[in-house]
Amino acid sequence: MVRAAGRKISKAHRSHQTPHGRQTVRQLMAHGEATSSIPVDAPKLFDRVARKWNVDYAFYQTEPDKYLLFFKGKQADAITACMSEYSKRVLGKEKSRRVPILEQLKKAKAHVRQQPQREQERVKEAVREDR
């Protein structure tokens, strides 16, 4: 009985709080503030940056791999700082200097094929005589 009452009280308490961070578009619109949107390609990367800047935002998928980022109008300054860091990360990810392992293996395989094969000489060793 006591647990059920505690759960009911905590559920009522959570329902009156406004959510922060990533949320649904409906929850963001329910805040009653003006919202703006920006197109985004990599939402996972943006999530990491947005947590750092403590902004309220929501994603809406328009096409496969295309998203609209909705955010509060009052947080425009935080979003611009967040977007500048996000764009640096996206550009840095594209210019990654690491070559994928599969490509390295393909290059190594082609390099080995180009080298002439050596034939192994089989030589019998002299057997030691018992003294």
N, C-alpha and C. Protein backbone atom coordinates (compact mmCIF):
# COMPACT_ATOMS: atom_id res chain seq x y z
N MET A 1 0.81 -1.20 0.00
CA MET A 1 0.00 0.00 0.00
C MET A 1 0.85 1.27 0.00
N VAL A 2 1.87 1.24 0.84
CA VAL A 2 2.72 2.42 0.97
C VAL A 2 3.50 2.65 -0.33
N ARG A 3 3.98 1.56 -0.93
CA ARG A 3 4.73 1.70 -2.19
C ARG A 3 3.86 2.28 -3.28
N ALA A 4 2.64 1.81 -3.38
CA ALA A 4 1.72 2.31 -4.41
C ALA A 4 1.46 3.79 -4.23
N ALA A 5 1.29 4.21 -3.00
CA ALA A 5 1.05 5.63 -2.72
C ALA A 5 2.30 6.45 -3.08
N GLY A 6 3.48 5.91 -2.76
CA GLY A 6 4.72 6.61 -3.08
C GLY A 6 4.92 6.75 -4.58
N ARG A 7 4.60 5.68 -5.31
CA ARG A 7 4.72 5.74 -6.78
C ARG A 7 3.76 6.76 -7.36
N LYS A 8 2.56 6.80 -6.83
CA LYS A 8 1.56 7.75 -7.33
C LYS A 8 2.00 9.18 -7.07
N ILE A 9 2.54 9.44 -5.90
CA ILE A 9 3.02 10.78 -5.56
C ILE A 9 4.19 11.18 -6.46
N SER A 10 5.15 10.26 -6.66
CA SER A 10 6.31 10.59 -7.50
C SER A 10 5.91 10.78 -8.96
N LYS A 11 4.93 10.01 -9.44
CA LYS A 11 4.45 10.18 -10.80
C LYS A 11 3.79 11.53 -10.98
N ALA A 12 3.01 11.96 -10.00
CA ALA A 12 2.37 13.28 -10.06
C ALA A 12 3.42 14.38 -10.03
N HIS A 13 4.46 14.18 -9.23
CA HIS A 13 5.53 15.17 -9.13
C HIS A 13 6.27 15.31 -10.46
N ARG A 14 6.58 14.16 -11.10
CA ARG A 14 7.28 14.19 -12.39
C ARG A 14 6.43 14.80 -13.49
N SER A 15 5.12 14.61 -13.43
CA SER A 15 4.27 15.14 -14.49
C SER A 15 4.20 16.66 -14.47
N HIS A 16 4.44 17.27 -13.31
CA HIS A 16 4.39 18.73 -13.21
C HIS A 16 5.72 19.39 -13.56
N GLN A 17 6.78 18.61 -13.66
CA GLN A 17 8.08 19.16 -14.01
C GLN A 17 8.21 19.25 -15.53
N THR A 18 8.92 20.28 -16.00
CA THR A 18 9.17 20.38 -17.43
C THR A 18 10.43 19.58 -17.76
N PRO A 19 10.41 18.79 -18.84
CA PRO A 19 11.59 18.00 -19.19
C PRO A 19 12.72 18.89 -19.72
N HIS A 20 13.94 18.42 -19.56
CA HIS A 20 15.11 19.15 -20.04
C HIS A 20 15.94 18.22 -20.91
N GLY A 21 16.78 18.82 -21.77
CA GLY A 21 17.61 18.02 -22.65
C GLY A 21 16.82 17.54 -23.85
N ARG A 22 17.13 16.32 -24.32
CA ARG A 22 16.44 15.77 -25.48
C ARG A 22 15.03 15.34 -25.08
N GLN A 23 14.08 15.67 -25.93
CA GLN A 23 12.68 15.35 -25.68
C GLN A 23 11.94 15.26 -26.99
N THR A 24 10.67 14.94 -26.94
CA THR A 24 9.88 14.87 -28.16
C THR A 24 9.47 16.28 -28.58
N VAL A 25 9.07 16.41 -29.82
CA VAL A 25 8.66 17.72 -30.33
C VAL A 25 7.42 18.19 -29.57
N ARG A 26 6.53 17.27 -29.28
CA ARG A 26 5.31 17.62 -28.54
C ARG A 26 5.64 18.17 -27.16
N GLN A 27 6.59 17.55 -26.46
CA GLN A 27 6.99 18.03 -25.14
C GLN A 27 7.64 19.40 -25.24
N LEU A 28 8.43 19.62 -26.28
CA LEU A 28 9.11 20.91 -26.44
C LEU A 28 8.10 22.02 -26.73
N MET A 29 7.11 21.71 -27.56
CA MET A 29 6.08 22.70 -27.88
C MET A 29 5.21 23.00 -26.67
N ALA A 30 5.06 22.04 -25.76
CA ALA A 30 4.22 22.23 -24.58
C ALA A 30 4.83 23.21 -23.59
N HIS A 31 6.10 23.57 -23.76
CA HIS A 31 6.72 24.53 -22.86
C HIS A 31 6.10 25.91 -23.02
N GLY A 32 5.45 26.16 -24.14
CA GLY A 32 4.77 27.44 -24.36
C GLY A 32 5.69 28.56 -24.81
N GLU A 33 6.85 28.22 -25.31
CA GLU A 33 7.79 29.24 -25.78
C GLU A 33 7.95 29.12 -27.29
N ALA A 34 8.49 30.16 -27.90
CA ALA A 34 8.74 30.14 -29.34
C ALA A 34 9.85 29.14 -29.64
N THR A 35 9.71 28.40 -30.74
CA THR A 35 10.71 27.43 -31.12
C THR A 35 11.25 27.74 -32.51
N SER A 36 12.44 27.29 -32.76
CA SER A 36 13.07 27.44 -34.07
C SER A 36 13.59 26.08 -34.50
N SER A 37 13.94 25.95 -35.78
CA SER A 37 14.45 24.66 -36.26
C SER A 37 15.62 24.87 -37.21
N ILE A 38 16.49 23.85 -37.24
CA ILE A 38 17.68 23.83 -38.10
C ILE A 38 17.81 22.41 -38.64
N PRO A 39 18.17 22.24 -39.93
CA PRO A 39 18.42 20.87 -40.44
C PRO A 39 19.74 20.32 -39.89
N VAL A 40 19.72 19.03 -39.53
CA VAL A 40 20.89 18.35 -38.95
C VAL A 40 21.03 16.99 -39.62
N ASP A 41 22.28 16.54 -39.81
CA ASP A 41 22.52 15.25 -40.45
C ASP A 41 22.86 14.14 -39.45
N ALA A 42 23.60 14.46 -38.40
CA ALA A 42 24.06 13.43 -37.46
C ALA A 42 23.54 13.73 -36.05
N PRO A 43 22.37 13.19 -35.70
CA PRO A 43 21.81 13.52 -34.38
C PRO A 43 22.60 12.95 -33.21
N LYS A 44 23.26 11.81 -33.37
CA LYS A 44 24.02 11.24 -32.25
C LYS A 44 25.19 12.15 -31.87
N LEU A 45 25.86 12.70 -32.86
CA LEU A 45 26.95 13.62 -32.58
C LEU A 45 26.43 14.87 -31.89
N PHE A 46 25.27 15.36 -32.34
CA PHE A 46 24.71 16.56 -31.74
C PHE A 46 24.29 16.30 -30.30
N ASP A 47 23.79 15.09 -29.99
CA ASP A 47 23.40 14.76 -28.62
C ASP A 47 24.55 14.96 -27.65
N ARG A 48 25.72 14.48 -28.03
CA ARG A 48 26.88 14.59 -27.16
C ARG A 48 27.24 16.05 -26.87
N VAL A 49 27.17 16.87 -27.91
CA VAL A 49 27.52 18.28 -27.75
C VAL A 49 26.43 19.01 -26.96
N ALA A 50 25.17 18.68 -27.23
CA ALA A 50 24.06 19.39 -26.58
C ALA A 50 24.02 19.12 -25.08
N ARG A 51 24.39 17.94 -24.66
CA ARG A 51 24.43 17.66 -23.22
C ARG A 51 25.42 18.58 -22.52
N LYS A 52 26.51 18.86 -23.22
CA LYS A 52 27.54 19.74 -22.65
C LYS A 52 27.01 21.16 -22.46
N TRP A 53 26.19 21.62 -23.41
CA TRP A 53 25.68 22.99 -23.37
C TRP A 53 24.34 23.11 -22.65
N ASN A 54 23.75 21.99 -22.22
CA ASN A 54 22.52 21.98 -21.43
C ASN A 54 21.37 22.73 -22.13
N VAL A 55 21.06 22.32 -23.34
CA VAL A 55 19.97 22.93 -24.10
C VAL A 55 18.79 21.96 -24.22
N ASP A 56 17.61 22.51 -24.39
CA ASP A 56 16.40 21.72 -24.62
C ASP A 56 16.19 21.64 -26.13
N TYR A 57 16.03 20.42 -26.64
CA TYR A 57 15.91 20.26 -28.08
C TYR A 57 15.13 18.99 -28.40
N ALA A 58 14.69 18.91 -29.66
CA ALA A 58 13.97 17.73 -30.15
C ALA A 58 14.31 17.53 -31.62
N PHE A 59 14.31 16.27 -32.04
CA PHE A 59 14.56 15.93 -33.44
C PHE A 59 13.28 15.47 -34.10
N TYR A 60 13.13 15.84 -35.37
CA TYR A 60 12.01 15.37 -36.18
C TYR A 60 12.61 14.87 -37.49
N GLN A 61 12.36 13.60 -37.82
CA GLN A 61 12.94 13.01 -39.02
C GLN A 61 12.09 13.38 -40.24
N THR A 62 12.73 14.02 -41.23
CA THR A 62 12.03 14.41 -42.46
C THR A 62 12.23 13.39 -43.57
N GLU A 63 13.45 12.90 -43.71
CA GLU A 63 13.82 11.87 -44.69
C GLU A 63 14.79 10.92 -44.01
N PRO A 64 15.08 9.80 -44.65
CA PRO A 64 16.12 8.94 -44.05
C PRO A 64 17.45 9.71 -43.95
N ASP A 65 18.04 9.71 -42.80
CA ASP A 65 19.30 10.41 -42.50
C ASP A 65 19.19 11.94 -42.61
N LYS A 66 17.99 12.48 -42.55
CA LYS A 66 17.79 13.93 -42.54
C LYS A 66 16.85 14.26 -41.37
N TYR A 67 17.26 15.18 -40.53
CA TYR A 67 16.49 15.53 -39.34
C TYR A 67 16.35 17.04 -39.22
N LEU A 68 15.28 17.47 -38.58
CA LEU A 68 15.11 18.87 -38.20
C LEU A 68 15.34 18.95 -36.70
N LEU A 69 16.14 19.90 -36.28
CA LEU A 69 16.41 20.12 -34.87
C LEU A 69 15.55 21.28 -34.39
N PHE A 70 14.65 21.01 -33.46
CA PHE A 70 13.82 22.05 -32.86
C PHE A 70 14.43 22.45 -31.52
N PHE A 71 14.45 23.75 -31.24
CA PHE A 71 14.97 24.23 -29.96
C PHE A 71 14.21 25.47 -29.55
N LYS A 72 14.35 25.84 -28.27
CA LYS A 72 13.66 27.02 -27.75
C LYS A 72 14.32 28.29 -28.28
N GLY A 73 13.49 29.29 -28.55
CA GLY A 73 14.00 30.55 -29.07
C GLY A 73 14.87 31.28 -28.06
N LYS A 74 14.59 31.12 -26.77
CA LYS A 74 15.37 31.79 -25.74
C LYS A 74 16.78 31.24 -25.64
N GLN A 75 16.99 30.03 -26.09
CA GLN A 75 18.29 29.40 -25.99
C GLN A 75 19.11 29.54 -27.26
N ALA A 76 18.82 30.55 -28.05
CA ALA A 76 19.49 30.72 -29.34
C ALA A 76 21.00 30.89 -29.18
N ASP A 77 21.45 31.60 -28.15
CA ASP A 77 22.89 31.80 -27.94
C ASP A 77 23.58 30.47 -27.65
N ALA A 78 22.96 29.68 -26.78
CA ALA A 78 23.55 28.38 -26.45
C ALA A 78 23.55 27.47 -27.67
N ILE A 79 22.49 27.55 -28.47
CA ILE A 79 22.41 26.71 -29.67
C ILE A 79 23.47 27.11 -30.69
N THR A 80 23.74 28.41 -30.86
CA THR A 80 24.77 28.82 -31.82
C THR A 80 26.15 28.31 -31.38
N ALA A 81 26.45 28.39 -30.08
CA ALA A 81 27.71 27.85 -29.59
C ALA A 81 27.76 26.34 -29.77
N CYS A 82 26.64 25.71 -29.50
CA CYS A 82 26.53 24.25 -29.64
C CYS A 82 26.68 23.85 -31.11
N MET A 83 26.07 24.58 -32.01
CA MET A 83 26.15 24.26 -33.44
C MET A 83 27.57 24.49 -33.97
N SER A 84 28.27 25.49 -33.46
CA SER A 84 29.64 25.70 -33.93
C SER A 84 30.54 24.53 -33.52
N GLU A 85 30.37 24.04 -32.29
CA GLU A 85 31.15 22.88 -31.86
C GLU A 85 30.74 21.63 -32.63
N TYR A 86 29.44 21.48 -32.88
CA TYR A 86 28.92 20.34 -33.64
C TYR A 86 29.48 20.34 -35.06
N SER A 87 29.51 21.50 -35.70
CA SER A 87 30.02 21.58 -37.07
C SER A 87 31.51 21.26 -37.12
N LYS A 88 32.26 21.68 -36.09
CA LYS A 88 33.69 21.33 -36.03
C LYS A 88 33.86 19.83 -35.95
N ARG A 89 33.03 19.19 -35.14
CA ARG A 89 33.13 17.74 -34.99
C ARG A 89 32.75 17.01 -36.27
N VAL A 90 31.70 17.49 -36.94
CA VAL A 90 31.27 16.84 -38.19
C VAL A 90 32.35 16.98 -39.26
N LEU A 91 32.93 18.17 -39.39
CA LEU A 91 33.99 18.37 -40.38
C LEU A 91 35.24 17.58 -40.02
N GLY A 92 35.54 17.50 -38.75
CA GLY A 92 36.71 16.73 -38.31
C GLY A 92 36.51 15.25 -38.54
N LYS A 93 35.28 14.78 -38.42
CA LYS A 93 35.00 13.37 -38.63
C LYS A 93 35.18 12.99 -40.10
N GLU A 94 34.80 13.90 -41.00
CA GLU A 94 34.94 13.62 -42.43
C GLU A 94 36.41 13.60 -42.84
N LYS A 95 37.23 14.40 -42.17
CA LYS A 95 38.64 14.49 -42.51
C LYS A 95 39.49 13.55 -41.67
N SER A 96 38.86 12.54 -41.16
CA SER A 96 39.58 11.60 -40.29
C SER A 96 40.79 11.04 -41.02
N ARG A 97 41.90 11.01 -40.33
CA ARG A 97 43.14 10.57 -40.96
C ARG A 97 43.31 9.06 -40.88
N ARG A 98 42.51 8.42 -40.10
CA ARG A 98 42.63 6.97 -39.97
C ARG A 98 42.05 6.28 -41.19
N VAL A 99 42.80 5.32 -41.70
CA VAL A 99 42.33 4.53 -42.83
C VAL A 99 41.62 3.31 -42.25
N PRO A 100 40.42 2.98 -42.74
CA PRO A 100 39.70 1.82 -42.22
C PRO A 100 40.52 0.54 -42.35
N ILE A 101 40.34 -0.37 -41.43
CA ILE A 101 41.13 -1.60 -41.36
C ILE A 101 40.94 -2.45 -42.62
N LEU A 102 39.71 -2.52 -43.13
CA LEU A 102 39.48 -3.32 -44.33
C LEU A 102 40.29 -2.79 -45.52
N GLU A 103 40.37 -1.47 -45.64
CA GLU A 103 41.18 -0.91 -46.72
C GLU A 103 42.65 -1.22 -46.52
N GLN A 104 43.13 -1.17 -45.29
CA GLN A 104 44.53 -1.51 -45.01
C GLN A 104 44.81 -2.96 -45.38
N LEU A 105 43.87 -3.85 -45.06
CA LEU A 105 44.05 -5.26 -45.41
C LEU A 105 44.07 -5.47 -46.92
N LYS A 106 43.20 -4.77 -47.65
CA LYS A 106 43.18 -4.90 -49.10
C LYS A 106 44.51 -4.43 -49.71
N LYS A 107 45.04 -3.32 -49.21
CA LYS A 107 46.32 -2.82 -49.71
C LYS A 107 47.44 -3.81 -49.41
N ALA A 108 47.43 -4.36 -48.22
CA ALA A 108 48.46 -5.32 -47.84
C ALA A 108 48.37 -6.57 -48.70
N LYS A 109 47.16 -7.03 -48.97
CA LYS A 109 46.96 -8.22 -49.81
C LYS A 109 47.48 -7.97 -51.22
N ALA A 110 47.19 -6.79 -51.79
CA ALA A 110 47.67 -6.46 -53.13
C ALA A 110 49.19 -6.36 -53.15
N HIS A 111 49.77 -5.81 -52.08
CA HIS A 111 51.23 -5.68 -52.00
C HIS A 111 51.90 -7.04 -51.96
N VAL A 112 51.32 -7.96 -51.22
CA VAL A 112 51.88 -9.32 -51.12
C VAL A 112 51.78 -10.03 -52.46
N ARG A 113 50.70 -9.84 -53.17
CA ARG A 113 50.52 -10.49 -54.48
C ARG A 113 51.53 -9.98 -55.50
N GLN A 114 51.93 -8.73 -55.41
CA GLN A 114 52.87 -8.15 -56.36
C GLN A 114 54.29 -8.68 -56.17
N GLN A 115 54.62 -9.07 -54.97
CA GLN A 115 55.97 -9.56 -54.72
C GLN A 115 56.14 -10.96 -55.32
N PRO A 116 57.33 -11.25 -55.89
CA PRO A 116 57.54 -12.60 -56.45
C PRO A 116 57.59 -13.62 -55.31
N GLN A 117 57.04 -14.77 -55.59
CA GLN A 117 57.01 -15.80 -54.56
C GLN A 117 58.36 -16.49 -54.49
N ARG A 118 58.80 -16.76 -53.32
CA ARG A 118 60.07 -17.44 -53.12
C ARG A 118 59.80 -18.94 -52.96
N GLU A 119 60.68 -19.68 -53.54
CA GLU A 119 60.56 -21.13 -53.36
C GLU A 119 61.42 -21.53 -52.18
N GLN A 120 60.88 -22.39 -51.38
CA GLN A 120 61.64 -22.82 -50.23
C GLN A 120 62.52 -24.00 -50.62
N GLU A 121 63.74 -23.96 -50.21
CA GLU A 121 64.66 -25.05 -50.47
C GLU A 121 64.59 -26.01 -49.31
N ARG A 122 64.35 -27.23 -49.64
CA ARG A 122 64.29 -28.23 -48.59
C ARG A 122 65.63 -28.96 -48.53
N VAL A 123 66.28 -28.85 -47.45
CA VAL A 123 67.58 -29.48 -47.25
C VAL A 123 67.48 -30.42 -46.09
N LYS A 124 67.98 -31.62 -46.30
CA LYS A 124 67.97 -32.58 -45.20
C LYS A 124 69.15 -32.28 -44.31
N GLU A 125 68.87 -32.35 -43.07
CA GLU A 125 69.94 -32.11 -42.11
C GLU A 125 70.73 -33.41 -41.90
N ALA A 126 71.96 -33.24 -41.61
CA ALA A 126 72.79 -34.42 -41.33
C ALA A 126 72.35 -35.01 -40.01
N VAL A 127 72.21 -36.29 -40.01
CA VAL A 127 71.77 -37.00 -38.81
C VAL A 127 72.97 -37.18 -37.90
N ARG A 128 72.78 -36.91 -36.69
CA ARG A 128 73.87 -37.10 -35.72
C ARG A 128 74.11 -38.57 -35.46
N GLU A 129 75.32 -38.92 -35.46
CA GLU A 129 75.65 -40.31 -35.21
C GLU A 129 75.82 -40.53 -33.72
N ASP A 130 75.39 -41.68 -33.29
CA ASP A 130 75.56 -42.01 -31.88
C ASP A 130 77.00 -42.35 -31.62
N ARG A 131 77.57 -41.93 -30.60
CA ARG A 131 78.97 -42.18 -30.29
C ARG A 131 79.15 -43.33 -29.40
